[in-house]
Amino acid sequence: VEQLRAARHRMEMEGKIVGFVPTMGALHAGHISLVQEASKACDEVITSIFVNPTQFAEGEDLDQYPRDLDGDIKKLSSVPKLTTVFHPPIAEMYPEDGAKVFVGLDELENSLR
């Protein structure tokens, strides 16, 4: 995370317009087209590849979610202006001693039924 912040700060100081395309990897043509569009609109593009465990409910297939970092990077290598691939470990994104915030929407959820 600190390396990404430093790179982003450098880009900002250079007056660059930076695009960010978040993904969970297992990239396909739709992902690549998003990165290509960001490349057209921005000076530099950051793409994240992070399988976020908080997006999976208990019993869902987090362990089965496809992961092919080398293949994803290869697919991204043809995109101009892609300067950074951000692939943090889970422990860096969710440190044991870090604050965790959960938002409960029970009232909203109940009103939408």
PDB file of N, CA and C in Angstrom:
ATOM      1  N   VAL A   1       0.831  -1.184   0.000  1.00  0.00           N
ATOM      2  CA  VAL A   1       0.000   0.000   0.000  1.00  0.00           C
ATOM      3  C   VAL A   1       0.879   1.253   0.000  1.00  0.00           C
ATOM      4  N   GLU A   2       1.933   1.228   0.801  1.00  0.00           N
ATOM      5  CA  GLU A   2       2.805   2.414   0.861  1.00  0.00           C
ATOM      6  C   GLU A   2       3.476   2.679  -0.482  1.00  0.00           C
ATOM      7  N   GLN A   3       3.883   1.614  -1.185  1.00  0.00           N
ATOM      8  CA  GLN A   3       4.502   1.801  -2.505  1.00  0.00           C
ATOM      9  C   GLN A   3       3.511   2.423  -3.484  1.00  0.00           C
ATOM     10  N   LEU A   4       2.272   1.975  -3.425  1.00  0.00           N
ATOM     11  CA  LEU A   4       1.244   2.539  -4.303  1.00  0.00           C
ATOM     12  C   LEU A   4       1.005   4.002  -3.963  1.00  0.00           C
ATOM     13  N   ARG A   5       0.927   4.299  -2.676  1.00  0.00           N
ATOM     14  CA  ARG A   5       0.726   5.705  -2.277  1.00  0.00           C
ATOM     15  C   ARG A   5       1.875   6.582  -2.772  1.00  0.00           C
ATOM     16  N   ALA A   6       3.101   6.075  -2.655  1.00  0.00           N
ATOM     17  CA  ALA A   6       4.262   6.847  -3.106  1.00  0.00           C
ATOM     18  C   ALA A   6       4.210   7.054  -4.624  1.00  0.00           C
ATOM     19  N   ALA A   7       3.886   6.012  -5.365  1.00  0.00           N
ATOM     20  CA  ALA A   7       3.797   6.134  -6.822  1.00  0.00           C
ATOM     21  C   ALA A   7       2.686   7.103  -7.212  1.00  0.00           C
ATOM     22  N   ARG A   8       1.557   6.987  -6.540  1.00  0.00           N
ATOM     23  CA  ARG A   8       0.430   7.882  -6.826  1.00  0.00           C
ATOM     24  C   ARG A   8       0.786   9.330  -6.495  1.00  0.00           C
ATOM     25  N   HIS A   9       1.495   9.547  -5.408  1.00  0.00           N
ATOM     26  CA  HIS A   9       1.923  10.891  -5.026  1.00  0.00           C
ATOM     27  C   HIS A   9       2.872  11.463  -6.087  1.00  0.00           C
ATOM     28  N   ARG A  10       3.803  10.631  -6.558  1.00  0.00           N
ATOM     29  CA  ARG A  10       4.726  11.081  -7.602  1.00  0.00           C
ATOM     30  C   ARG A  10       3.948  11.502  -8.846  1.00  0.00           C
ATOM     31  N   MET A  11       2.989  10.686  -9.237  1.00  0.00           N
ATOM     32  CA  MET A  11       2.178  11.007 -10.418  1.00  0.00           C
ATOM     33  C   MET A  11       1.433  12.320 -10.217  1.00  0.00           C
ATOM     34  N   GLU A  12       0.886  12.491  -9.036  1.00  0.00           N
ATOM     35  CA  GLU A  12       0.151  13.725  -8.728  1.00  0.00           C
ATOM     36  C   GLU A  12       1.074  14.938  -8.789  1.00  0.00           C
ATOM     37  N   MET A  13       2.263  14.806  -8.234  1.00  0.00           N
ATOM     38  CA  MET A  13       3.224  15.913  -8.243  1.00  0.00           C
ATOM     39  C   MET A  13       3.661  16.260  -9.665  1.00  0.00           C
ATOM     40  N   GLU A  14       3.630  15.280 -10.551  1.00  0.00           N
ATOM     41  CA  GLU A  14       3.988  15.509 -11.947  1.00  0.00           C
ATOM     42  C   GLU A  14       2.795  16.028 -12.757  1.00  0.00           C
ATOM     43  N   GLY A  15       1.655  16.224 -12.091  1.00  0.00           N
ATOM     44  CA  GLY A  15       0.476  16.749 -12.767  1.00  0.00           C
ATOM     45  C   GLY A  15      -0.230  15.745 -13.657  1.00  0.00           C
ATOM     46  N   LYS A  16       0.012  14.471 -13.420  1.00  0.00           N
ATOM     47  CA  LYS A  16      -0.576  13.435 -14.259  1.00  0.00           C
ATOM     48  C   LYS A  16      -2.029  13.162 -13.871  1.00  0.00           C
ATOM     49  N   ILE A  17      -2.825  12.823 -14.861  1.00  0.00           N
ATOM     50  CA  ILE A  17      -4.176  12.324 -14.632  1.00  0.00           C
ATOM     51  C   ILE A  17      -4.052  10.813 -14.535  1.00  0.00           C
ATOM     52  N   VAL A  18      -4.523  10.266 -13.417  1.00  0.00           N
ATOM     53  CA  VAL A  18      -4.331   8.846 -13.150  1.00  0.00           C
ATOM     54  C   VAL A  18      -5.676   8.138 -13.121  1.00  0.00           C
ATOM     55  N   GLY A  19      -5.767   7.065 -13.883  1.00  0.00           N
ATOM     56  CA  GLY A  19      -6.954   6.230 -13.876  1.00  0.00           C
ATOM     57  C   GLY A  19      -6.731   5.045 -12.954  1.00  0.00           C
ATOM     58  N   PHE A  20      -7.809   4.563 -12.353  1.00  0.00           N
ATOM     59  CA  PHE A  20      -7.731   3.392 -11.468  1.00  0.00           C
ATOM     60  C   PHE A  20      -8.820   2.413 -11.867  1.00  0.00           C
ATOM     61  N   VAL A  21      -8.419   1.183 -12.146  1.00  0.00           N
ATOM     62  CA  VAL A  21      -9.371   0.141 -12.526  1.00  0.00           C
ATOM     63  C   VAL A  21      -9.234  -1.000 -11.509  1.00  0.00           C
ATOM     64  N   PRO A  22     -10.181  -1.099 -10.573  1.00  0.00           N
ATOM     65  CA  PRO A  22     -10.120  -2.179  -9.582  1.00  0.00           C
ATOM     66  C   PRO A  22     -10.675  -3.476 -10.165  1.00  0.00           C
ATOM     67  N   THR A  23      -9.978  -4.577  -9.906  1.00  0.00           N
ATOM     68  CA  THR A  23     -10.466  -5.886 -10.339  1.00  0.00           C
ATOM     69  C   THR A  23     -10.174  -6.911  -9.247  1.00  0.00           C
ATOM     70  N   MET A  24     -10.754  -8.083  -9.416  1.00  0.00           N
ATOM     71  CA  MET A  24     -10.421  -9.215  -8.553  1.00  0.00           C
ATOM     72  C   MET A  24      -9.647 -10.254  -9.360  1.00  0.00           C
ATOM     73  N   GLY A  25      -9.040  -9.825 -10.449  1.00  0.00           N
ATOM     74  CA  GLY A  25      -8.265 -10.748 -11.261  1.00  0.00           C
ATOM     75  C   GLY A  25      -9.160 -11.599 -12.135  1.00  0.00           C
ATOM     76  N   ALA A  26      -8.594 -12.728 -12.609  1.00  0.00           N
ATOM     77  CA  ALA A  26      -9.305 -13.580 -13.572  1.00  0.00           C
ATOM     78  C   ALA A  26      -9.791 -12.709 -14.732  1.00  0.00           C
ATOM     79  N   LEU A  27      -8.869 -11.895 -15.248  1.00  0.00           N
ATOM     80  CA  LEU A  27      -9.236 -10.866 -16.230  1.00  0.00           C
ATOM     81  C   LEU A  27      -9.744 -11.456 -17.529  1.00  0.00           C
ATOM     82  N   HIS A  28     -10.729 -10.770 -18.106  1.00  0.00           N
ATOM     83  CA  HIS A  28     -11.300 -11.147 -19.394  1.00  0.00           C
ATOM     84  C   HIS A  28     -11.380  -9.891 -20.253  1.00  0.00           C
ATOM     85  N   ALA A  29     -11.935 -10.023 -21.433  1.00  0.00           N
ATOM     86  CA  ALA A  29     -11.978  -8.907 -22.388  1.00  0.00           C
ATOM     87  C   ALA A  29     -12.657  -7.671 -21.812  1.00  0.00           C
ATOM     88  N   GLY A  30     -13.670  -7.851 -20.979  1.00  0.00           N
ATOM     89  CA  GLY A  30     -14.347  -6.702 -20.376  1.00  0.00           C
ATOM     90  C   GLY A  30     -13.423  -5.900 -19.481  1.00  0.00           C
ATOM     91  N   HIS A  31     -12.639  -6.594 -18.676  1.00  0.00           N
ATOM     92  CA  HIS A  31     -11.660  -5.902 -17.824  1.00  0.00           C
ATOM     93  C   HIS A  31     -10.654  -5.140 -18.687  1.00  0.00           C
ATOM     94  N   ILE A  32     -10.134  -5.827 -19.691  1.00  0.00           N
ATOM     95  CA  ILE A  32      -9.105  -5.207 -20.529  1.00  0.00           C
ATOM     96  C   ILE A  32      -9.661  -3.975 -21.234  1.00  0.00           C
ATOM     97  N   SER A  33     -10.919  -4.030 -21.664  1.00  0.00           N
ATOM     98  CA  SER A  33     -11.500  -2.857 -22.332  1.00  0.00           C
ATOM     99  C   SER A  33     -11.620  -1.684 -21.354  1.00  0.00           C
ATOM    100  N   LEU A  34     -11.923  -1.958 -20.088  1.00  0.00           N
ATOM    101  CA  LEU A  34     -11.964  -0.884 -19.088  1.00  0.00           C
ATOM    102  C   LEU A  34     -10.585  -0.245 -18.903  1.00  0.00           C
ATOM    103  N   VAL A  35      -9.559  -1.077 -18.853  1.00  0.00           N
ATOM    104  CA  VAL A  35      -8.194  -0.564 -18.699  1.00  0.00           C
ATOM    105  C   VAL A  35      -7.796   0.230 -19.943  1.00  0.00           C
ATOM    106  N   GLN A  36      -8.173  -0.266 -21.112  1.00  0.00           N
ATOM    107  CA  GLN A  36      -7.870   0.463 -22.356  1.00  0.00           C
ATOM    108  C   GLN A  36      -8.564   1.818 -22.391  1.00  0.00           C
ATOM    109  N   GLU A  37      -9.818   1.876 -21.952  1.00  0.00           N
ATOM    110  CA  GLU A  37     -10.536   3.151 -21.909  1.00  0.00           C
ATOM    111  C   GLU A  37      -9.878   4.116 -20.930  1.00  0.00           C
ATOM    112  N   ALA A  38      -9.469   3.605 -19.780  1.00  0.00           N
ATOM    113  CA  ALA A  38      -8.756   4.457 -18.821  1.00  0.00           C
ATOM    114  C   ALA A  38      -7.461   4.968 -19.436  1.00  0.00           C
ATOM    115  N   SER A  39      -6.804   4.127 -20.201  1.00  0.00           N
ATOM    116  CA  SER A  39      -5.560   4.515 -20.863  1.00  0.00           C
ATOM    117  C   SER A  39      -5.780   5.651 -21.860  1.00  0.00           C
ATOM    118  N   LYS A  40      -6.927   5.645 -22.517  1.00  0.00           N
ATOM    119  CA  LYS A  40      -7.246   6.716 -23.473  1.00  0.00           C
ATOM    120  C   LYS A  40      -7.509   8.040 -22.760  1.00  0.00           C
ATOM    121  N   ALA A  41      -8.083   7.969 -21.571  1.00  0.00           N
ATOM    122  CA  ALA A  41      -8.506   9.178 -20.863  1.00  0.00           C
ATOM    123  C   ALA A  41      -7.470   9.709 -19.880  1.00  0.00           C
ATOM    124  N   CYS A  42      -6.454   8.915 -19.569  1.00  0.00           N
ATOM    125  CA  CYS A  42      -5.527   9.279 -18.498  1.00  0.00           C
ATOM    126  C   CYS A  42      -4.079   9.207 -18.952  1.00  0.00           C
ATOM    127  N   ASP A  43      -3.215   9.852 -18.180  1.00  0.00           N
ATOM    128  CA  ASP A  43      -1.783   9.800 -18.467  1.00  0.00           C
ATOM    129  C   ASP A  43      -1.168   8.482 -18.003  1.00  0.00           C
ATOM    130  N   GLU A  44      -1.657   7.971 -16.891  1.00  0.00           N
ATOM    131  CA  GLU A  44      -1.166   6.715 -16.339  1.00  0.00           C
ATOM    132  C   GLU A  44      -2.362   5.953 -15.771  1.00  0.00           C
ATOM    133  N   VAL A  45      -2.232   4.624 -15.729  1.00  0.00           N
ATOM    134  CA  VAL A  45      -3.320   3.785 -15.247  1.00  0.00           C
ATOM    135  C   VAL A  45      -2.786   2.811 -14.204  1.00  0.00           C
ATOM    136  N   ILE A  46      -3.524   2.713 -13.111  1.00  0.00           N
ATOM    137  CA  ILE A  46      -3.250   1.731 -12.061  1.00  0.00           C
ATOM    138  C   ILE A  46      -4.381   0.718 -12.105  1.00  0.00           C
ATOM    139  N   THR A  47      -4.034  -0.553 -12.129  1.00  0.00           N
ATOM    140  CA  THR A  47      -5.033  -1.615 -12.060  1.00  0.00           C
ATOM    141  C   THR A  47      -4.761  -2.438 -10.822  1.00  0.00           C
ATOM    142  N   SER A  48      -5.785  -2.656 -10.035  1.00  0.00           N
ATOM    143  CA  SER A  48      -5.614  -3.517  -8.871  1.00  0.00           C
ATOM    144  C   SER A  48      -6.113  -4.916  -9.202  1.00  0.00           C
ATOM    145  N   ILE A  49      -5.418  -5.887  -8.648  1.00  0.00           N
ATOM    146  CA  ILE A  49      -5.839  -7.283  -8.713  1.00  0.00           C
ATOM    147  C   ILE A  49      -5.852  -7.759  -7.269  1.00  0.00           C
ATOM    148  N   PHE A  50      -7.046  -7.821  -6.706  1.00  0.00           N
ATOM    149  CA  PHE A  50      -7.180  -8.178  -5.296  1.00  0.00           C
ATOM    150  C   PHE A  50      -8.468  -8.953  -5.093  1.00  0.00           C
ATOM    151  N   VAL A  51      -8.332 -10.210  -4.730  1.00  0.00           N
ATOM    152  CA  VAL A  51      -9.503 -11.021  -4.417  1.00  0.00           C
ATOM    153  C   VAL A  51      -9.875 -10.683  -2.983  1.00  0.00           C
ATOM    154  N   ASN A  52     -10.908  -9.876  -2.845  1.00  0.00           N
ATOM    155  CA  ASN A  52     -11.294  -9.327  -1.550  1.00  0.00           C
ATOM    156  C   ASN A  52     -12.147 -10.335  -0.778  1.00  0.00           C
ATOM    157  N   PRO A  53     -11.620 -10.850   0.328  1.00  0.00           N
ATOM    158  CA  PRO A  53     -12.382 -11.860   1.069  1.00  0.00           C
ATOM    159  C   PRO A  53     -13.680 -11.317   1.664  1.00  0.00           C
ATOM    160  N   THR A  54     -13.773 -10.007   1.846  1.00  0.00           N
ATOM    161  CA  THR A  54     -15.001  -9.448   2.424  1.00  0.00           C
ATOM    162  C   THR A  54     -16.155  -9.444   1.435  1.00  0.00           C
ATOM    163  N   GLN A  55     -15.877  -9.741   0.174  1.00  0.00           N
ATOM    164  CA  GLN A  55     -16.938  -9.793  -0.828  1.00  0.00           C
ATOM    165  C   GLN A  55     -17.565 -11.186  -0.929  1.00  0.00           C
ATOM    166  N   PHE A  56     -17.117 -12.084  -0.091  1.00  0.00           N
ATOM    167  CA  PHE A  56     -17.636 -13.441  -0.106  1.00  0.00           C
ATOM    168  C   PHE A  56     -18.282 -13.728   1.242  1.00  0.00           C
ATOM    169  N   ALA A  57     -19.492 -14.216   1.217  1.00  0.00           N
ATOM    170  CA  ALA A  57     -20.164 -14.612   2.453  1.00  0.00           C
ATOM    171  C   ALA A  57     -19.597 -15.953   2.912  1.00  0.00           C
ATOM    172  N   GLU A  58     -19.803 -16.246   4.170  1.00  0.00           N
ATOM    173  CA  GLU A  58     -19.352 -17.530   4.704  1.00  0.00           C
ATOM    174  C   GLU A  58     -19.991 -18.649   3.882  1.00  0.00           C
ATOM    175  N   GLY A  59     -19.177 -19.610   3.504  1.00  0.00           N
ATOM    176  CA  GLY A  59     -19.672 -20.726   2.717  1.00  0.00           C
ATOM    177  C   GLY A  59     -19.627 -20.489   1.216  1.00  0.00           C
ATOM    178  N   GLU A  60     -19.289 -19.272   0.805  1.00  0.00           N
ATOM    179  CA  GLU A  60     -19.142 -19.014  -0.629  1.00  0.00           C
ATOM    180  C   GLU A  60     -17.759 -19.475  -1.083  1.00  0.00           C
ATOM    181  N   ASP A  61     -17.478 -19.324  -2.349  1.00  0.00           N
ATOM    182  CA  ASP A  61     -16.305 -19.955  -2.941  1.00  0.00           C
ATOM    183  C   ASP A  61     -15.050 -19.081  -3.005  1.00  0.00           C
ATOM    184  N   LEU A  62     -14.678 -18.441  -1.913  1.00  0.00           N
ATOM    185  CA  LEU A  62     -13.450 -17.642  -1.905  1.00  0.00           C
ATOM    186  C   LEU A  62     -12.255 -18.485  -2.327  1.00  0.00           C
ATOM    187  N   ASP A  63     -12.127 -19.678  -1.782  1.00  0.00           N
ATOM    188  CA  ASP A  63     -10.978 -20.525  -2.105  1.00  0.00           C
ATOM    189  C   ASP A  63     -11.008 -21.013  -3.549  1.00  0.00           C
ATOM    190  N   GLN A  64     -12.187 -21.062  -4.137  1.00  0.00           N
ATOM    191  CA  GLN A  64     -12.330 -21.547  -5.508  1.00  0.00           C
ATOM    192  C   GLN A  64     -12.237 -20.429  -6.545  1.00  0.00           C
ATOM    193  N   TYR A  65     -12.207 -19.171  -6.093  1.00  0.00           N
ATOM    194  CA  TYR A  65     -12.171 -18.058  -7.039  1.00  0.00           C
ATOM    195  C   TYR A  65     -10.890 -18.169  -7.870  1.00  0.00           C
ATOM    196  N   PRO A  66     -10.983 -18.057  -9.185  1.00  0.00           N
ATOM    197  CA  PRO A  66      -9.791 -18.257 -10.028  1.00  0.00           C
ATOM    198  C   PRO A  66      -8.746 -17.165  -9.817  1.00  0.00           C
ATOM    199  N   ARG A  67      -7.500 -17.610  -9.775  1.00  0.00           N
ATOM    200  CA  ARG A  67      -6.375 -16.686  -9.606  1.00  0.00           C
ATOM    201  C   ARG A  67      -5.282 -17.079 -10.591  1.00  0.00           C
ATOM    202  N   ASP A  68      -4.860 -16.119 -11.413  1.00  0.00           N
ATOM    203  CA  ASP A  68      -3.787 -16.338 -12.372  1.00  0.00           C
ATOM    204  C   ASP A  68      -3.057 -15.012 -12.555  1.00  0.00           C
ATOM    205  N   LEU A  69      -2.287 -14.630 -11.546  1.00  0.00           N
ATOM    206  CA  LEU A  69      -1.620 -13.328 -11.567  1.00  0.00           C
ATOM    207  C   LEU A  69      -0.718 -13.183 -12.791  1.00  0.00           C
ATOM    208  N   ASP A  70       0.089 -14.199 -13.091  1.00  0.00           N
ATOM    209  CA  ASP A  70       0.979 -14.104 -14.258  1.00  0.00           C
ATOM    210  C   ASP A  70       0.180 -13.928 -15.547  1.00  0.00           C
ATOM    211  N   GLY A  71      -0.902 -14.689 -15.685  1.00  0.00           N
ATOM    212  CA  GLY A  71      -1.740 -14.564 -16.882  1.00  0.00           C
ATOM    213  C   GLY A  71      -2.408 -13.204 -16.957  1.00  0.00           C
ATOM    214  N   ASP A  72      -2.856 -12.690 -15.804  1.00  0.00           N
ATOM    215  CA  ASP A  72      -3.491 -11.367 -15.778  1.00  0.00           C
ATOM    216  C   ASP A  72      -2.496 -10.282 -16.180  1.00  0.00           C
ATOM    217  N   ILE A  73      -1.297 -10.370 -15.649  1.00  0.00           N
ATOM    218  CA  ILE A  73      -0.271  -9.370 -15.986  1.00  0.00           C
ATOM    219  C   ILE A  73       0.071  -9.452 -17.468  1.00  0.00           C
ATOM    220  N   LYS A  74       0.142 -10.644 -17.991  1.00  0.00           N
ATOM    221  CA  LYS A  74       0.411 -10.808 -19.426  1.00  0.00           C
ATOM    222  C   LYS A  74      -0.691 -10.145 -20.252  1.00  0.00           C
ATOM    223  N   LYS A  75      -1.944 -10.336 -19.866  1.00  0.00           N
ATOM    224  CA  LYS A  75      -3.061  -9.715 -20.583  1.00  0.00           C
ATOM    225  C   LYS A  75      -2.978  -8.190 -20.517  1.00  0.00           C
ATOM    226  N   LEU A  76      -2.535  -7.667 -19.385  1.00  0.00           N
ATOM    227  CA  LEU A  76      -2.451  -6.216 -19.208  1.00  0.00           C
ATOM    228  C   LEU A  76      -1.238  -5.606 -19.912  1.00  0.00           C
ATOM    229  N   SER A  77      -0.253  -6.424 -20.227  1.00  0.00           N
ATOM    230  CA  SER A  77       1.009  -5.892 -20.756  1.00  0.00           C
ATOM    231  C   SER A  77       0.867  -5.165 -22.087  1.00  0.00           C
ATOM    232  N   SER A  78      -0.199  -5.427 -22.813  1.00  0.00           N
ATOM    233  CA  SER A  78      -0.380  -4.770 -24.106  1.00  0.00           C
ATOM    234  C   SER A  78      -1.073  -3.412 -23.998  1.00  0.00           C
ATOM    235  N   VAL A  79      -1.526  -3.059 -22.799  1.00  0.00           N
ATOM    236  CA  VAL A  79      -2.271  -1.809 -22.633  1.00  0.00           C
ATOM    237  C   VAL A  79      -1.296  -0.648 -22.437  1.00  0.00           C
ATOM    238  N   PRO A  80      -1.369   0.372 -23.310  1.00  0.00           N
ATOM    239  CA  PRO A  80      -0.484   1.526 -23.134  1.00  0.00           C
ATOM    240  C   PRO A  80      -0.845   2.309 -21.872  1.00  0.00           C
ATOM    241  N   LYS A  81       0.139   2.906 -21.290  1.00  0.00           N
ATOM    242  CA  LYS A  81      -0.004   3.779 -20.116  1.00  0.00           C
ATOM    243  C   LYS A  81      -0.345   3.036 -18.831  1.00  0.00           C
ATOM    244  N   LEU A  82      -0.417   1.701 -18.878  1.00  0.00           N
ATOM    245  CA  LEU A  82      -0.609   0.954 -17.637  1.00  0.00           C
ATOM    246  C   LEU A  82       0.738   0.948 -16.936  1.00  0.00           C
ATOM    247  N   THR A  83       0.846   1.697 -15.857  1.00  0.00           N
ATOM    248  CA  THR A  83       2.133   1.842 -15.199  1.00  0.00           C
ATOM    249  C   THR A  83       2.250   1.025 -13.929  1.00  0.00           C
ATOM    250  N   THR A  84       1.104   0.673 -13.344  1.00  0.00           N
ATOM    251  CA  THR A  84       1.148   0.006 -12.046  1.00  0.00           C
ATOM    252  C   THR A  84       0.077  -1.071 -11.965  1.00  0.00           C
ATOM    253  N   VAL A  85       0.499  -2.261 -11.503  1.00  0.00           N
ATOM    254  CA  VAL A  85      -0.444  -3.304 -11.131  1.00  0.00           C
ATOM    255  C   VAL A  85      -0.314  -3.457  -9.624  1.00  0.00           C
ATOM    256  N   PHE A  86      -1.398  -3.206  -8.935  1.00  0.00           N
ATOM    257  CA  PHE A  86      -1.431  -3.246  -7.471  1.00  0.00           C
ATOM    258  C   PHE A  86      -2.028  -4.581  -7.053  1.00  0.00           C
ATOM    259  N   HIS A  87      -1.194  -5.416  -6.433  1.00  0.00           N
ATOM    260  CA  HIS A  87      -1.625  -6.752  -6.021  1.00  0.00           C
ATOM    261  C   HIS A  87      -1.196  -6.976  -4.569  1.00  0.00           C
ATOM    262  N   PRO A  88      -1.941  -6.404  -3.630  1.00  0.00           N
ATOM    263  CA  PRO A  88      -1.528  -6.487  -2.224  1.00  0.00           C
ATOM    264  C   PRO A  88      -1.934  -7.815  -1.584  1.00  0.00           C
ATOM    265  N   PRO A  89      -1.178  -8.244  -0.594  1.00  0.00           N
ATOM    266  CA  PRO A  89      -1.599  -9.416   0.180  1.00  0.00           C
ATOM    267  C   PRO A  89      -2.773  -9.047   1.094  1.00  0.00           C
ATOM    268  N   ILE A  90      -3.582 -10.027   1.421  1.00  0.00           N
ATOM    269  CA  ILE A  90      -4.754  -9.788   2.277  1.00  0.00           C
ATOM    270  C   ILE A  90      -4.335  -9.152   3.597  1.00  0.00           C
ATOM    271  N   ALA A  91      -3.240  -9.624   4.179  1.00  0.00           N
ATOM    272  CA  ALA A  91      -2.796  -9.108   5.481  1.00  0.00           C
ATOM    273  C   ALA A  91      -2.453  -7.624   5.424  1.00  0.00           C
ATOM    274  N   GLU A  92      -2.033  -7.153   4.267  1.00  0.00           N
ATOM    275  CA  GLU A  92      -1.730  -5.727   4.145  1.00  0.00           C
ATOM    276  C   GLU A  92      -3.010  -4.897   4.042  1.00  0.00           C
ATOM    277  N   MET A  93      -3.995  -5.444   3.402  1.00  0.00           N
ATOM    278  CA  MET A  93      -5.258  -4.728   3.259  1.00  0.00           C
ATOM    279  C   MET A  93      -6.103  -4.809   4.524  1.00  0.00           C
ATOM    280  N   TYR A  94      -5.999  -5.919   5.222  1.00  0.00           N
ATOM    281  CA  TYR A  94      -6.779  -6.149   6.435  1.00  0.00           C
ATOM    282  C   TYR A  94      -5.864  -6.624   7.558  1.00  0.00           C
ATOM    283  N   PRO A  95      -5.051  -5.725   8.111  1.00  0.00           N
ATOM    284  CA  PRO A  95      -4.145  -6.135   9.193  1.00  0.00           C
ATOM    285  C   PRO A  95      -4.934  -6.566  10.431  1.00  0.00           C
ATOM    286  N   GLU A  96      -4.381  -7.513  11.147  1.00  0.00           N
ATOM    287  CA  GLU A  96      -5.042  -8.052  12.347  1.00  0.00           C
ATOM    288  C   GLU A  96      -5.388  -6.958  13.351  1.00  0.00           C
ATOM    289  N   ASP A  97      -4.516  -5.966  13.477  1.00  0.00           N
ATOM    290  CA  ASP A  97      -4.737  -4.920  14.480  1.00  0.00           C
ATOM    291  C   ASP A  97      -5.450  -3.701  13.903  1.00  0.00           C
ATOM    292  N   GLY A  98      -5.844  -3.786  12.630  1.00  0.00           N
ATOM    293  CA  GLY A  98      -6.467  -2.635  11.988  1.00  0.00           C
ATOM    294  C   GLY A  98      -7.939  -2.524  12.316  1.00  0.00           C
ATOM    295  N   ALA A  99      -8.447  -1.331  12.109  1.00  0.00           N
ATOM    296  CA  ALA A  99      -9.866  -1.082  12.346  1.00  0.00           C
ATOM    297  C   ALA A  99     -10.678  -1.735  11.237  1.00  0.00           C
ATOM    298  N   LYS A 100     -11.780  -2.287  11.615  1.00  0.00           N
ATOM    299  CA  LYS A 100     -12.696  -2.860  10.639  1.00  0.00           C
ATOM    300  C   LYS A 100     -14.041  -2.175  10.826  1.00  0.00           C
ATOM    301  N   VAL A 101     -14.615  -1.764   9.744  1.00  0.00           N
ATOM    302  CA  VAL A 101     -15.894  -1.084   9.792  1.00  0.00           C
ATOM    303  C   VAL A 101     -16.904  -1.921   9.016  1.00  0.00           C
ATOM    304  N   PHE A 102     -18.008  -2.199   9.641  1.00  0.00           N
ATOM    305  CA  PHE A 102     -19.097  -2.901   8.983  1.00  0.00           C
ATOM    306  C   PHE A 102     -20.323  -2.010   9.045  1.00  0.00           C
ATOM    307  N   VAL A 103     -21.005  -1.899   7.954  1.00  0.00           N
ATOM    308  CA  VAL A 103     -22.190  -1.061   7.885  1.00  0.00           C
ATOM    309  C   VAL A 103     -23.401  -1.981   7.810  1.00  0.00           C
ATOM    310  N   GLY A 104     -24.268  -1.827   8.765  1.00  0.00           N
ATOM    311  CA  GLY A 104     -25.490  -2.622   8.772  1.00  0.00           C
ATOM    312  C   GLY A 104     -26.618  -1.863   8.120  1.00  0.00           C
ATOM    313  N   LEU A 105     -27.300  -2.506   7.231  1.00  0.00           N
ATOM    314  CA  LEU A 105     -28.396  -1.869   6.503  1.00  0.00           C
ATOM    315  C   LEU A 105     -29.714  -2.594   6.771  1.00  0.00           C
ATOM    316  N   ASP A 106     -29.861  -3.117   7.974  1.00  0.00           N
ATOM    317  CA  ASP A 106     -31.046  -3.910   8.287  1.00  0.00           C
ATOM    318  C   ASP A 106     -32.331  -3.152   7.992  1.00  0.00           C
ATOM    319  N   GLU A 107     -32.404  -1.898   8.411  1.00  0.00           N
ATOM    320  CA  GLU A 107     -33.637  -1.120   8.211  1.00  0.00           C
ATOM    321  C   GLU A 107     -33.922  -0.937   6.729  1.00  0.00           C
ATOM    322  N   LEU A 108     -32.900  -0.599   5.955  1.00  0.00           N
ATOM    323  CA  LEU A 108     -33.066  -0.427   4.512  1.00  0.00           C
ATOM    324  C   LEU A 108     -33.416  -1.755   3.870  1.00  0.00           C
ATOM    325  N   GLU A 109     -32.704  -2.796   4.268  1.00  0.00           N
ATOM    326  CA  GLU A 109     -32.959  -4.123   3.705  1.00  0.00           C
ATOM    327  C   GLU A 109     -34.396  -4.548   3.951  1.00  0.00           C
ATOM    328  N   ASN A 110     -34.888  -4.318   5.149  1.00  0.00           N
ATOM    329  CA  ASN A 110     -36.256  -4.702   5.471  1.00  0.00           C
ATOM    330  C   ASN A 110     -37.284  -3.880   4.688  1.00  0.00           C
ATOM    331  N   SER A 111     -36.962  -2.628   4.387  1.00  0.00           N
ATOM    332  CA  SER A 111     -37.921  -1.796   3.678  1.00  0.00           C
ATOM    333  C   SER A 111     -37.964  -2.120   2.185  1.00  0.00           C
ATOM    334  N   LEU A 112     -36.964  -2.830   1.693  1.00  0.00           N
ATOM    335  CA  LEU A 112     -36.924  -3.165   0.264  1.00  0.00           C
ATOM    336  C   LEU A 112     -37.591  -4.496  -0.029  1.00  0.00           C
ATOM    337  N   ARG A 113     -38.047  -5.177   0.960  1.00  0.00           N
ATOM    338  CA  ARG A 113     -38.670  -6.491   0.736  1.00  0.00           C
ATOM    339  C   ARG A 113     -40.072  -6.376   0.267  1.00  0.00           C
TER     340      ARG A 113
END
